[in-house]
Amino acid sequence: MTDEQDSHAPGRAVLSLDIGGTKLAVGVVTADGEVHGLVVEPTRRWEGPDVVIPRLFELGHRAIAAAGLDRPVDAVGISCGGPLDSGTGVLISPPHLPGWLDVPLGSMTSDEFGVPAYLENDATAAALGEHRFGAARGVSTMIYLTISTGVGGGAVIDGQLHRGAAGNGGELGHLMVRPGGRPCTCGRRGCLEAYVSGTNIAERAVEGLRAGRVSPDGSPSSLAAIEQPTAADVAAAALAGDGYARAIWTETTDVLGQALTDLVNVFEPELVVLGGGVTRSGAMLLEPVAEAVARDAMPPAAKAARVVLAGLGDVVCVVGAGVVALDAQEGEHA
């Protein structure tokens, strides 16, 4: 799974494009769920769709070349945060991509690569990828949460991917966790995303430092020496014993644990899978959240829900978008 030439040309294959608020990840996905010719670059979302989309397509051509294909890909799968219209392939107004309004990405992609293109919500695609090839293989009902620049979600219920009536179901990042709280990109206040996304973990840390907050023992925080601390900086400082960073991190895991407990009570899943950049913190995030669900979820079956990290790691959305395209092609040829 590198951006170098693969040692073999894969068989049935689709191109997979993942558009995140922080990075673009592109690769060729084969029917066995493997990723070939992976290319990852910063999104630079402030450049807007007229600049980012041609660069995304160039990455797609690079990935195809690196994968060593001896024929065109069969289709293109695209994962991106919603709201979007998967039927028409239009990005409506994703909050993590300001200014991307009513972008006909599906038709643009199909024109560029000369094959059908299928657009899907990124977290919905990731849920499908984890169910097919990741941590949730063999599970009937599961919930997936991606915790990254924003927070998205998806679910597989009784073996079927949940899309909702208009195709945008699973916006779990916009659960209300603190009514009247921090502003969210969706326009409301107090959403889960406003507290636990990587962007908002960093923003909460900066806001507190500017307000003069310090560690509980009165000592200054090491984060004050960092010009623009990230969520990864907060996690690292908390792990190193920084009291202020620990307080920020504890609030993060408390809020996430409460939200997941509510989701477990509603869906009664066998598995809750967490993915996205913030989960690189590993046990620091997973353990307190899993403990909260085990402690607070309603018995009996909800107590059995396990909380795990995504098995596909950083390529979960790439694999998921690929599975969407592979399944669509299979359905059309059935």
C-alpha atoms as a PDB file:
ATOM      1  CA  MET A   1       0.000   0.000   0.000  1.00  0.00           C
ATOM      2  CA  THR A   2       2.511   2.606  -1.141  1.00  0.00           C
ATOM      3  CA  ASP A   3       2.699   5.252  -3.822  1.00  0.00           C
ATOM      4  CA  GLU A   4       5.464   3.286  -5.547  1.00  0.00           C
ATOM      5  CA  GLN A   5       4.954   0.888  -8.468  1.00  0.00           C
ATOM      6  CA  ASP A   6       3.221  -2.276  -7.235  1.00  0.00           C
ATOM      7  CA  SER A   7       4.986  -5.545  -7.947  1.00  0.00           C
ATOM      8  CA  HIS A   8       1.905  -6.998  -9.647  1.00  0.00           C
ATOM      9  CA  ALA A   9      -1.013  -5.688 -11.659  1.00  0.00           C
ATOM     10  CA  PRO A  10      -4.227  -6.276  -9.675  1.00  0.00           C
ATOM     11  CA  GLY A  11      -7.271  -7.902 -11.275  1.00  0.00           C
ATOM     12  CA  ARG A  12     -10.725  -6.328 -11.064  1.00  0.00           C
ATOM     13  CA  ALA A  13     -10.070  -2.840  -9.793  1.00  0.00           C
ATOM     14  CA  VAL A  14     -11.619   0.565  -9.162  1.00  0.00           C
ATOM     15  CA  LEU A  15     -10.093   3.942  -8.462  1.00  0.00           C
ATOM     16  CA  SER A  16     -10.918   5.324  -5.024  1.00  0.00           C
ATOM     17  CA  LEU A  17     -10.868   9.036  -4.178  1.00  0.00           C
ATOM     18  CA  ASP A  18     -11.219  10.183  -0.565  1.00  0.00           C
ATOM     19  CA  ILE A  19     -11.686  13.925  -0.011  1.00  0.00           C
ATOM     20  CA  GLY A  20     -11.063  14.941   3.578  1.00  0.00           C
ATOM     21  CA  GLY A  21     -10.851  18.363   5.133  1.00  0.00           C
ATOM     22  CA  THR A  22      -7.153  17.801   5.841  1.00  0.00           C
ATOM     23  CA  LYS A  23      -5.947  15.319   3.225  1.00  0.00           C
ATOM     24  CA  LEU A  24      -6.706  13.742  -0.117  1.00  0.00           C
ATOM     25  CA  ALA A  25      -6.113   9.982  -0.220  1.00  0.00           C
ATOM     26  CA  VAL A  26      -6.267   8.163  -3.549  1.00  0.00           C
ATOM     27  CA  GLY A  27      -5.631   4.542  -4.485  1.00  0.00           C
ATOM     28  CA  VAL A  28      -6.706   1.623  -6.610  1.00  0.00           C
ATOM     29  CA  VAL A  29      -8.850  -0.872  -4.701  1.00  0.00           C
ATOM     30  CA  THR A  30      -9.196  -4.487  -5.811  1.00  0.00           C
ATOM     31  CA  ALA A  31     -11.971  -6.961  -5.073  1.00  0.00           C
ATOM     32  CA  ASP A  32      -9.993  -8.372  -2.146  1.00  0.00           C
ATOM     33  CA  GLY A  33     -10.018  -4.980  -0.389  1.00  0.00           C
ATOM     34  CA  GLU A  34      -6.336  -4.275  -0.990  1.00  0.00           C
ATOM     35  CA  VAL A  35      -5.155  -0.755  -1.847  1.00  0.00           C
ATOM     36  CA  HIS A  36      -2.560  -0.279  -4.591  1.00  0.00           C
ATOM     37  CA  GLY A  37      -0.664   2.830  -5.648  1.00  0.00           C
ATOM     38  CA  LEU A  38      -1.752   4.856  -2.604  1.00  0.00           C
ATOM     39  CA  VAL A  39      -1.116   8.617  -2.870  1.00  0.00           C
ATOM     40  CA  VAL A  40      -1.784  11.043   0.000  1.00  0.00           C
ATOM     41  CA  GLU A  41      -1.460  14.830  -0.113  1.00  0.00           C
ATOM     42  CA  PRO A  42      -2.843  17.794   1.857  1.00  0.00           C
ATOM     43  CA  THR A  43      -6.272  18.942   0.687  1.00  0.00           C
ATOM     44  CA  ARG A  44      -5.558  22.682   0.978  1.00  0.00           C
ATOM     45  CA  ARG A  45      -9.321  23.172   1.018  1.00  0.00           C
ATOM     46  CA  TRP A  46      -9.030  26.959   1.035  1.00  0.00           C
ATOM     47  CA  GLU A  47      -7.966  26.756  -2.626  1.00  0.00           C
ATOM     48  CA  GLY A  48     -11.540  25.805  -3.544  1.00  0.00           C
ATOM     49  CA  PRO A  49     -12.961  23.157  -5.870  1.00  0.00           C
ATOM     50  CA  ASP A  50     -11.637  24.727  -9.086  1.00  0.00           C
ATOM     51  CA  VAL A  51      -8.095  24.076  -7.880  1.00  0.00           C
ATOM     52  CA  VAL A  52      -8.471  21.036  -5.617  1.00  0.00           C
ATOM     53  CA  ILE A  53     -10.513  18.853  -7.993  1.00  0.00           C
ATOM     54  CA  PRO A  54      -7.996  18.971 -10.902  1.00  0.00           C
ATOM     55  CA  ARG A  55      -5.263  18.141  -8.391  1.00  0.00           C
ATOM     56  CA  LEU A  56      -7.387  15.257  -7.065  1.00  0.00           C
ATOM     57  CA  PHE A  57      -7.753  13.910 -10.595  1.00  0.00           C
ATOM     58  CA  GLU A  58      -4.014  14.177 -11.165  1.00  0.00           C
ATOM     59  CA  LEU A  59      -3.482  12.109  -8.021  1.00  0.00           C
ATOM     60  CA  GLY A  60      -5.933   9.573  -9.444  1.00  0.00           C
ATOM     61  CA  HIS A  61      -3.913   9.183 -12.625  1.00  0.00           C
ATOM     62  CA  ARG A  62      -0.745   8.837 -10.545  1.00  0.00           C
ATOM     63  CA  ALA A  63      -2.330   6.129  -8.415  1.00  0.00           C
ATOM     64  CA  ILE A  64      -3.447   4.168 -11.474  1.00  0.00           C
ATOM     65  CA  ALA A  65       0.060   4.357 -12.914  1.00  0.00           C
ATOM     66  CA  ALA A  66       1.620   3.323  -9.587  1.00  0.00           C
ATOM     67  CA  ALA A  67      -0.783   0.385  -9.265  1.00  0.00           C
ATOM     68  CA  GLY A  68       0.610  -1.097 -12.472  1.00  0.00           C
ATOM     69  CA  LEU A  69      -2.733  -1.620 -14.217  1.00  0.00           C
ATOM     70  CA  ASP A  70      -2.618  -2.937 -17.767  1.00  0.00           C
ATOM     71  CA  ARG A  71      -6.169  -1.739 -18.464  1.00  0.00           C
ATOM     72  CA  PRO A  72      -8.504   1.061 -17.340  1.00  0.00           C
ATOM     73  CA  VAL A  73     -10.158   0.882 -13.935  1.00  0.00           C
ATOM     74  CA  ASP A  74     -13.742  -0.416 -13.982  1.00  0.00           C
ATOM     75  CA  ALA A  75     -15.188   2.530 -12.039  1.00  0.00           C
ATOM     76  CA  VAL A  76     -14.379   5.289  -9.561  1.00  0.00           C
ATOM     77  CA  GLY A  77     -15.615   5.453  -5.977  1.00  0.00           C
ATOM     78  CA  ILE A  78     -15.575   8.816  -4.196  1.00  0.00           C
ATOM     79  CA  SER A  79     -15.928   9.382  -0.461  1.00  0.00           C
ATOM     80  CA  CYS A  80     -16.557  12.833   0.961  1.00  0.00           C
ATOM     81  CA  GLY A  81     -18.358  14.369   3.885  1.00  0.00           C
ATOM     82  CA  GLY A  82     -21.978  15.381   3.283  1.00  0.00           C
ATOM     83  CA  PRO A  83     -24.498  16.639   2.787  1.00  0.00           C
ATOM     84  CA  LEU A  84     -24.396  15.201  -0.711  1.00  0.00           C
ATOM     85  CA  ASP A  85     -26.667  13.538  -3.239  1.00  0.00           C
ATOM     86  CA  SER A  86     -25.231  10.111  -3.996  1.00  0.00           C
ATOM     87  CA  GLY A  87     -27.845   9.478  -6.692  1.00  0.00           C
ATOM     88  CA  THR A  88     -26.793  12.458  -8.810  1.00  0.00           C
ATOM     89  CA  GLY A  89     -23.181  12.569  -7.614  1.00  0.00           C
ATOM     90  CA  VAL A  90     -23.471  16.147  -6.359  1.00  0.00           C
ATOM     91  CA  LEU A  91     -21.687  17.579  -3.326  1.00  0.00           C
ATOM     92  CA  ILE A  92     -24.318  19.875  -1.845  1.00  0.00           C
ATOM     93  CA  SER A  93     -22.583  21.837   0.917  1.00  0.00           C
ATOM     94  CA  PRO A  94     -20.063  19.856   3.013  1.00  0.00           C
ATOM     95  CA  PRO A  95     -19.144  21.957   6.084  1.00  0.00           C
ATOM     96  CA  HIS A  96     -15.537  20.729   6.022  1.00  0.00           C
ATOM     97  CA  LEU A  97     -15.143  22.123   2.478  1.00  0.00           C
ATOM     98  CA  PRO A  98     -16.365  25.727   2.642  1.00  0.00           C
ATOM     99  CA  GLY A  99     -17.432  27.060  -0.737  1.00  0.00           C
ATOM    100  CA  TRP A 100     -17.997  23.628  -2.301  1.00  0.00           C
ATOM    101  CA  LEU A 101     -21.642  24.233  -3.170  1.00  0.00           C
ATOM    102  CA  ASP A 102     -23.563  21.977  -5.567  1.00  0.00           C
ATOM    103  CA  VAL A 103     -20.398  20.559  -7.141  1.00  0.00           C
ATOM    104  CA  PRO A 104     -21.276  17.853  -9.751  1.00  0.00           C
ATOM    105  CA  LEU A 105     -18.303  15.761  -8.713  1.00  0.00           C
ATOM    106  CA  GLY A 106     -19.697  12.454  -9.946  1.00  0.00           C
ATOM    107  CA  SER A 107     -20.131  13.589 -13.563  1.00  0.00           C
ATOM    108  CA  MET A 108     -16.829  15.469 -13.493  1.00  0.00           C
ATOM    109  CA  THR A 109     -15.034  12.333 -12.326  1.00  0.00           C
ATOM    110  CA  SER A 110     -16.758  10.120 -14.871  1.00  0.00           C
ATOM    111  CA  ASP A 111     -15.792  12.524 -17.663  1.00  0.00           C
ATOM    112  CA  GLU A 112     -12.178  12.614 -16.456  1.00  0.00           C
ATOM    113  CA  PHE A 113     -11.630   8.855 -16.207  1.00  0.00           C
ATOM    114  CA  GLY A 114     -14.130   7.590 -18.777  1.00  0.00           C
ATOM    115  CA  VAL A 115     -15.895   5.155 -16.428  1.00  0.00           C
ATOM    116  CA  PRO A 116     -18.889   5.341 -14.048  1.00  0.00           C
ATOM    117  CA  ALA A 117     -18.299   7.235 -10.800  1.00  0.00           C
ATOM    118  CA  TYR A 118     -20.128   6.721  -7.504  1.00  0.00           C
ATOM    119  CA  LEU A 119     -20.225   9.307  -4.709  1.00  0.00           C
ATOM    120  CA  GLU A 120     -20.847   8.273  -1.091  1.00  0.00           C
ATOM    121  CA  ASN A 121     -20.688   9.934   2.304  1.00  0.00           C
ATOM    122  CA  ASP A 122     -17.203   9.240   3.655  1.00  0.00           C
ATOM    123  CA  ALA A 123     -18.230   7.779   6.996  1.00  0.00           C
ATOM    124  CA  THR A 124     -20.952   5.674   5.369  1.00  0.00           C
ATOM    125  CA  ALA A 125     -18.365   4.329   2.942  1.00  0.00           C
ATOM    126  CA  ALA A 126     -15.956   3.705   5.820  1.00  0.00           C
ATOM    127  CA  ALA A 127     -18.623   1.755   7.711  1.00  0.00           C
ATOM    128  CA  LEU A 128     -19.081  -0.425   4.638  1.00  0.00           C
ATOM    129  CA  GLY A 129     -15.313  -0.898   4.290  1.00  0.00           C
ATOM    130  CA  GLU A 130     -14.906  -1.919   7.926  1.00  0.00           C
ATOM    131  CA  HIS A 131     -17.860  -4.290   7.664  1.00  0.00           C
ATOM    132  CA  ARG A 132     -16.496  -5.943   4.531  1.00  0.00           C
ATOM    133  CA  PHE A 133     -12.746  -6.001   5.171  1.00  0.00           C
ATOM    134  CA  GLY A 134     -11.974  -4.474   8.579  1.00  0.00           C
ATOM    135  CA  ALA A 135     -12.731  -4.871  12.262  1.00  0.00           C
ATOM    136  CA  ALA A 136     -16.447  -5.578  11.727  1.00  0.00           C
ATOM    137  CA  ARG A 137     -16.186  -8.550   9.375  1.00  0.00           C
ATOM    138  CA  GLY A 138     -18.873 -11.101  10.248  1.00  0.00           C
ATOM    139  CA  VAL A 139     -20.794  -8.641  12.454  1.00  0.00           C
ATOM    140  CA  SER A 140     -24.509  -8.131  11.798  1.00  0.00           C
ATOM    141  CA  THR A 141     -25.024  -4.711  13.400  1.00  0.00           C
ATOM    142  CA  MET A 142     -22.264  -2.150  13.884  1.00  0.00           C
ATOM    143  CA  ILE A 143     -21.745   1.592  14.224  1.00  0.00           C
ATOM    144  CA  TYR A 144     -18.787   3.442  12.747  1.00  0.00           C
ATOM    145  CA  LEU A 145     -17.562   6.874  13.844  1.00  0.00           C
ATOM    146  CA  THR A 146     -14.786   8.769  12.101  1.00  0.00           C
ATOM    147  CA  ILE A 147     -13.125  11.350  14.336  1.00  0.00           C
ATOM    148  CA  SER A 148     -10.947  13.603  12.242  1.00  0.00           C
ATOM    149  CA  THR A 149     -11.229  17.188  10.936  1.00  0.00           C
ATOM    150  CA  GLY A 150     -14.932  16.671  11.561  1.00  0.00           C
ATOM    151  CA  VAL A 151     -16.954  13.775  12.975  1.00  0.00           C
ATOM    152  CA  GLY A 152     -18.991  11.510  10.712  1.00  0.00           C
ATOM    153  CA  GLY A 153     -20.800   8.261  11.205  1.00  0.00           C
ATOM    154  CA  GLY A 154     -22.266   5.248   9.520  1.00  0.00           C
ATOM    155  CA  ALA A 155     -24.082   2.092  10.457  1.00  0.00           C
ATOM    156  CA  VAL A 156     -24.691  -1.432   9.233  1.00  0.00           C
ATOM    157  CA  ILE A 157     -27.975  -2.766  10.608  1.00  0.00           C
ATOM    158  CA  ASP A 158     -28.867  -6.439  10.267  1.00  0.00           C
ATOM    159  CA  GLY A 159     -26.175  -6.765   7.619  1.00  0.00           C
ATOM    160  CA  GLN A 160     -27.449  -3.831   5.520  1.00  0.00           C
ATOM    161  CA  LEU A 161     -25.719  -0.469   5.093  1.00  0.00           C
ATOM    162  CA  HIS A 162     -27.907   2.329   6.468  1.00  0.00           C
ATOM    163  CA  ARG A 163     -28.125   5.290   4.076  1.00  0.00           C
ATOM    164  CA  GLY A 164     -31.353   6.984   5.145  1.00  0.00           C
ATOM    165  CA  ALA A 165     -34.259   8.250   3.046  1.00  0.00           C
ATOM    166  CA  ALA A 166     -32.185  10.846   1.189  1.00  0.00           C
ATOM    167  CA  GLY A 167     -28.833   9.060   1.399  1.00  0.00           C
ATOM    168  CA  ASN A 168     -27.315  11.169   4.175  1.00  0.00           C
ATOM    169  CA  GLY A 169     -28.273   9.100   7.208  1.00  0.00           C
ATOM    170  CA  GLY A 170     -25.665   8.535   9.896  1.00  0.00           C
ATOM    171  CA  GLU A 171     -24.661  12.124  10.660  1.00  0.00           C
ATOM    172  CA  LEU A 172     -23.631  10.993  14.128  1.00  0.00           C
ATOM    173  CA  GLY A 173     -21.226  13.887  14.573  1.00  0.00           C
ATOM    174  CA  HIS A 174     -24.207  16.208  14.884  1.00  0.00           C
ATOM    175  CA  LEU A 175     -25.767  14.557  17.886  1.00  0.00           C
ATOM    176  CA  MET A 176     -26.518  17.243  20.465  1.00  0.00           C
ATOM    177  CA  VAL A 177     -24.270  16.656  23.489  1.00  0.00           C
ATOM    178  CA  ARG A 178     -24.133  20.136  25.067  1.00  0.00           C
ATOM    179  CA  PRO A 179     -27.290  22.154  24.260  1.00  0.00           C
ATOM    180  CA  GLY A 180     -26.356  25.793  23.677  1.00  0.00           C
ATOM    181  CA  GLY A 181     -22.663  24.906  23.755  1.00  0.00           C
ATOM    182  CA  ARG A 182     -19.877  25.433  21.256  1.00  0.00           C
ATOM    183  CA  PRO A 183     -20.830  26.467  17.707  1.00  0.00           C
ATOM    184  CA  CYS A 184     -20.714  23.701  15.125  1.00  0.00           C
ATOM    185  CA  THR A 185     -20.072  23.906  11.381  1.00  0.00           C
ATOM    186  CA  CYS A 186     -23.648  22.681  10.799  1.00  0.00           C
ATOM    187  CA  GLY A 187     -25.024  25.907  12.292  1.00  0.00           C
ATOM    188  CA  ARG A 188     -26.187  24.520  15.638  1.00  0.00           C
ATOM    189  CA  ARG A 189     -24.513  24.688  19.035  1.00  0.00           C
ATOM    190  CA  GLY A 190     -23.355  21.802  21.193  1.00  0.00           C
ATOM    191  CA  CYS A 191     -22.876  19.030  18.608  1.00  0.00           C
ATOM    192  CA  LEU A 192     -20.528  16.122  19.257  1.00  0.00           C
ATOM    193  CA  GLU A 193     -18.258  17.358  16.452  1.00  0.00           C
ATOM    194  CA  ALA A 194     -17.845  20.713  18.221  1.00  0.00           C
ATOM    195  CA  TYR A 195     -16.094  18.930  21.101  1.00  0.00           C
ATOM    196  CA  VAL A 196     -14.296  15.824  19.873  1.00  0.00           C
ATOM    197  CA  SER A 197     -13.137  16.473  16.295  1.00  0.00           C
ATOM    198  CA  GLY A 198      -9.425  17.076  15.866  1.00  0.00           C
ATOM    199  CA  THR A 199     -10.154  20.653  14.862  1.00  0.00           C
ATOM    200  CA  ASN A 200     -12.210  21.350  17.954  1.00  0.00           C
ATOM    201  CA  ILE A 201      -9.902  19.594  20.403  1.00  0.00           C
ATOM    202  CA  ALA A 202      -7.179  21.975  19.234  1.00  0.00           C
ATOM    203  CA  GLU A 203      -9.508  24.988  19.310  1.00  0.00           C
ATOM    204  CA  ARG A 204     -10.684  24.230  22.849  1.00  0.00           C
ATOM    205  CA  ALA A 205      -7.079  24.022  23.980  1.00  0.00           C
ATOM    206  CA  VAL A 206      -6.190  27.357  22.377  1.00  0.00           C
ATOM    207  CA  GLU A 207      -9.315  29.067  23.714  1.00  0.00           C
ATOM    208  CA  GLY A 208      -8.523  27.959  27.251  1.00  0.00           C
ATOM    209  CA  LEU A 209      -4.916  29.121  27.024  1.00  0.00           C
ATOM    210  CA  ARG A 210      -6.026  32.530  25.775  1.00  0.00           C
ATOM    211  CA  ALA A 211      -8.451  32.724  28.687  1.00  0.00           C
ATOM    212  CA  GLY A 212      -5.582  32.099  31.106  1.00  0.00           C
ATOM    213  CA  ARG A 213      -6.473  28.558  32.078  1.00  0.00           C
ATOM    214  CA  VAL A 214      -3.691  26.478  33.567  1.00  0.00           C
ATOM    215  CA  SER A 215      -3.239  22.981  34.938  1.00  0.00           C
ATOM    216  CA  PRO A 216      -5.276  22.077  38.033  1.00  0.00           C
ATOM    217  CA  ASP A 217      -2.139  22.445  40.158  1.00  0.00           C
ATOM    218  CA  GLY A 218      -1.575  25.943  38.789  1.00  0.00           C
ATOM    219  CA  SER A 219       1.390  25.050  36.584  1.00  0.00           C
ATOM    220  CA  PRO A 220       1.568  26.385  33.012  1.00  0.00           C
ATOM    221  CA  SER A 221       0.899  24.086  30.094  1.00  0.00           C
ATOM    222  CA  SER A 222       3.559  23.001  27.629  1.00  0.00           C
ATOM    223  CA  LEU A 223       0.993  23.715  24.903  1.00  0.00           C
ATOM    224  CA  ALA A 224       1.516  27.455  25.500  1.00  0.00           C
ATOM    225  CA  ALA A 225       4.902  27.162  23.788  1.00  0.00           C
ATOM    226  CA  ILE A 226       3.332  25.809  20.569  1.00  0.00           C
ATOM    227  CA  GLU A 227       2.126  28.480  18.140  1.00  0.00           C
ATOM    228  CA  GLN A 228      -0.750  26.429  16.717  1.00  0.00           C
ATOM    229  CA  PRO A 229      -1.218  23.258  18.767  1.00  0.00           C
ATOM    230  CA  THR A 230      -3.044  20.356  17.111  1.00  0.00           C
ATOM    231  CA  ALA A 231      -5.141  17.572  18.600  1.00  0.00           C
ATOM    232  CA  ALA A 232      -2.044  15.371  18.338  1.00  0.00           C
ATOM    233  CA  ASP A 233      -0.119  17.935  20.407  1.00  0.00           C
ATOM    234  CA  VAL A 234      -2.861  17.885  23.046  1.00  0.00           C
ATOM    235  CA  ALA A 235      -2.772  14.081  23.175  1.00  0.00           C
ATOM    236  CA  ALA A 236       1.026  14.009  23.419  1.00  0.00           C
ATOM    237  CA  ALA A 237       1.073  16.624  26.184  1.00  0.00           C
ATOM    238  CA  ALA A 238      -1.639  14.775  28.111  1.00  0.00           C
ATOM    239  CA  LEU A 239       0.332  11.531  27.813  1.00  0.00           C
ATOM    240  CA  ALA A 240       3.420  13.351  29.110  1.00  0.00           C
ATOM    241  CA  GLY A 241       1.544  14.464  32.230  1.00  0.00           C
ATOM    242  CA  ASP A 242       0.560  18.024  31.300  1.00  0.00           C
ATOM    243  CA  GLY A 243      -2.371  18.734  33.620  1.00  0.00           C
ATOM    244  CA  TYR A 244      -4.053  21.278  31.349  1.00  0.00           C
ATOM    245  CA  ALA A 245      -3.837  18.987  28.323  1.00  0.00           C
ATOM    246  CA  ARG A 246      -5.168  16.125  30.430  1.00  0.00           C
ATOM    247  CA  ALA A 247      -8.222  18.202  31.338  1.00  0.00           C
ATOM    248  CA  ILE A 248      -8.912  18.929  27.654  1.00  0.00           C
ATOM    249  CA  TRP A 249      -8.448  15.269  26.776  1.00  0.00           C
ATOM    250  CA  THR A 250     -10.651  14.058  29.628  1.00  0.00           C
ATOM    251  CA  GLU A 251     -13.470  16.338  28.488  1.00  0.00           C
ATOM    252  CA  THR A 252     -13.044  14.894  24.984  1.00  0.00           C
ATOM    253  CA  THR A 253     -13.286  11.268  26.086  1.00  0.00           C
ATOM    254  CA  ASP A 254     -16.135  12.029  28.507  1.00  0.00           C
ATOM    255  CA  VAL A 255     -18.248  13.646  25.778  1.00  0.00           C
ATOM    256  CA  LEU A 256     -17.447  10.906  23.262  1.00  0.00           C
ATOM    257  CA  GLY A 257     -18.201   8.182  25.802  1.00  0.00           C
ATOM    258  CA  GLN A 258     -21.582   9.745  26.612  1.00  0.00           C
ATOM    259  CA  ALA A 259     -22.503  10.015  22.926  1.00  0.00           C
ATOM    260  CA  LEU A 260     -21.471   6.433  22.177  1.00  0.00           C
ATOM    261  CA  THR A 261     -23.465   5.197  25.159  1.00  0.00           C
ATOM    262  CA  ASP A 262     -26.572   6.856  23.709  1.00  0.00           C
ATOM    263  CA  LEU A 263     -25.877   5.308  20.295  1.00  0.00           C
ATOM    264  CA  VAL A 264     -25.394   1.865  21.826  1.00  0.00           C
ATOM    265  CA  ASN A 265     -28.697   2.236  23.671  1.00  0.00           C
ATOM    266  CA  VAL A 266     -30.463   3.167  20.415  1.00  0.00           C
ATOM    267  CA  PHE A 267     -28.901   0.668  17.990  1.00  0.00           C
ATOM    268  CA  GLU A 268     -27.788  -2.144  20.321  1.00  0.00           C
ATOM    269  CA  PRO A 269     -24.823  -2.980  18.054  1.00  0.00           C
ATOM    270  CA  GLU A 270     -22.398  -5.819  18.466  1.00  0.00           C
ATOM    271  CA  LEU A 271     -19.515  -3.489  17.680  1.00  0.00           C
ATOM    272  CA  VAL A 272     -18.651   0.213  17.689  1.00  0.00           C
ATOM    273  CA  VAL A 273     -15.705   1.023  15.420  1.00  0.00           C
ATOM    274  CA  LEU A 274     -13.735   4.261  15.780  1.00  0.00           C
ATOM    275  CA  GLY A 275     -11.579   5.615  12.952  1.00  0.00           C
ATOM    276  CA  GLY A 276     -10.043   8.889  11.792  1.00  0.00           C
ATOM    277  CA  GLY A 277      -6.917  10.824  12.665  1.00  0.00           C
ATOM    278  CA  VAL A 278      -7.767  11.434  16.334  1.00  0.00           C
ATOM    279  CA  THR A 279      -7.808   7.668  16.936  1.00  0.00           C
ATOM    280  CA  ARG A 280      -4.045   7.571  16.332  1.00  0.00           C
ATOM    281  CA  SER A 281      -3.906   8.369  20.055  1.00  0.00           C
ATOM    282  CA  GLY A 282      -4.846   4.709  20.527  1.00  0.00           C
ATOM    283  CA  ALA A 283      -5.547   3.504  24.044  1.00  0.00           C
ATOM    284  CA  MET A 284      -5.675   7.077  25.369  1.00  0.00           C
ATOM    285  CA  LEU A 285      -8.923   7.514  23.475  1.00  0.00           C
ATOM    286  CA  LEU A 286     -10.220   3.970  23.301  1.00  0.00           C
ATOM    287  CA  GLU A 287      -9.920   2.856  26.912  1.00  0.00           C
ATOM    288  CA  PRO A 288     -11.870   5.629  28.701  1.00  0.00           C
ATOM    289  CA  VAL A 289     -14.528   5.652  25.980  1.00  0.00           C
ATOM    290  CA  ALA A 290     -14.974   1.871  26.090  1.00  0.00           C
ATOM    291  CA  GLU A 291     -15.138   2.006  29.894  1.00  0.00           C
ATOM    292  CA  ALA A 292     -17.885   4.642  29.740  1.00  0.00           C
ATOM    293  CA  VAL A 293     -19.979   2.532  27.350  1.00  0.00           C
ATOM    294  CA  ALA A 294     -19.506  -0.619  29.463  1.00  0.00           C
ATOM    295  CA  ARG A 295     -20.438   1.313  32.608  1.00  0.00           C
ATOM    296  CA  ASP A 296     -23.395   3.346  31.370  1.00  0.00           C
ATOM    297  CA  ALA A 297     -25.080   1.487  28.499  1.00  0.00           C
ATOM    298  CA  MET A 298     -28.376  -0.156  29.313  1.00  0.00           C
ATOM    299  CA  PRO A 299     -28.321  -3.907  29.986  1.00  0.00           C
ATOM    300  CA  PRO A 300     -28.408  -6.578  28.905  1.00  0.00           C
ATOM    301  CA  ALA A 301     -27.384  -6.707  25.251  1.00  0.00           C
ATOM    302  CA  ALA A 302     -26.042  -3.147  25.032  1.00  0.00           C
ATOM    303  CA  LYS A 303     -23.497  -3.994  27.697  1.00  0.00           C
ATOM    304  CA  ALA A 304     -21.990  -6.540  25.322  1.00  0.00           C
ATOM    305  CA  ALA A 305     -21.176  -3.930  22.659  1.00  0.00           C
ATOM    306  CA  ARG A 306     -17.444  -3.759  22.082  1.00  0.00           C
ATOM    307  CA  VAL A 307     -15.653  -0.529  21.159  1.00  0.00           C
ATOM    308  CA  VAL A 308     -12.623  -1.021  18.904  1.00  0.00           C
ATOM    309  CA  LEU A 309     -10.362   0.936  16.569  1.00  0.00           C
ATOM    310  CA  ALA A 310     -10.811   0.655  12.816  1.00  0.00           C
ATOM    311  CA  GLY A 311      -9.015  -2.336  11.361  1.00  0.00           C
ATOM    312  CA  LEU A 312      -8.273  -0.539   8.093  1.00  0.00           C
ATOM    313  CA  GLY A 313      -6.494   2.385   9.752  1.00  0.00           C
ATOM    314  CA  ASP A 314      -5.812   5.459   7.638  1.00  0.00           C
ATOM    315  CA  VAL A 315      -7.075   3.855   4.407  1.00  0.00           C
ATOM    316  CA  VAL A 316     -10.557   3.073   5.736  1.00  0.00           C
ATOM    317  CA  CYS A 317     -12.308   5.667   3.545  1.00  0.00           C
ATOM    318  CA  VAL A 318     -10.240   4.685   0.496  1.00  0.00           C
ATOM    319  CA  VAL A 319     -11.263   1.048   0.926  1.00  0.00           C
ATOM    320  CA  GLY A 320     -14.848   2.056   1.679  1.00  0.00           C
ATOM    321  CA  ALA A 321     -15.202   4.171  -1.458  1.00  0.00           C
ATOM    322  CA  GLY A 322     -13.690   1.318  -3.421  1.00  0.00           C
ATOM    323  CA  VAL A 323     -16.232  -1.149  -2.029  1.00  0.00           C
ATOM    324  CA  VAL A 324     -19.045   1.247  -2.964  1.00  0.00           C
ATOM    325  CA  ALA A 325     -17.824   1.297  -6.579  1.00  0.00           C
ATOM    326  CA  LEU A 326     -17.174  -2.451  -6.705  1.00  0.00           C
ATOM    327  CA  ASP A 327     -20.646  -3.220  -5.333  1.00  0.00           C
ATOM    328  CA  ALA A 328     -22.306  -0.799  -7.751  1.00  0.00           C
ATOM    329  CA  GLN A 329     -20.528  -2.390 -10.700  1.00  0.00           C
ATOM    330  CA  GLU A 330     -21.460  -5.853  -9.531  1.00  0.00           C
ATOM    331  CA  GLY A 331     -25.093  -4.791  -9.186  1.00  0.00           C
ATOM    332  CA  GLU A 332     -25.178  -3.291 -12.654  1.00  0.00           C
ATOM    333  CA  HIS A 333     -23.665  -6.411 -14.207  1.00  0.00           C
ATOM    334  CA  ALA A 334     -25.854  -8.878 -12.268  1.00  0.00           C
END
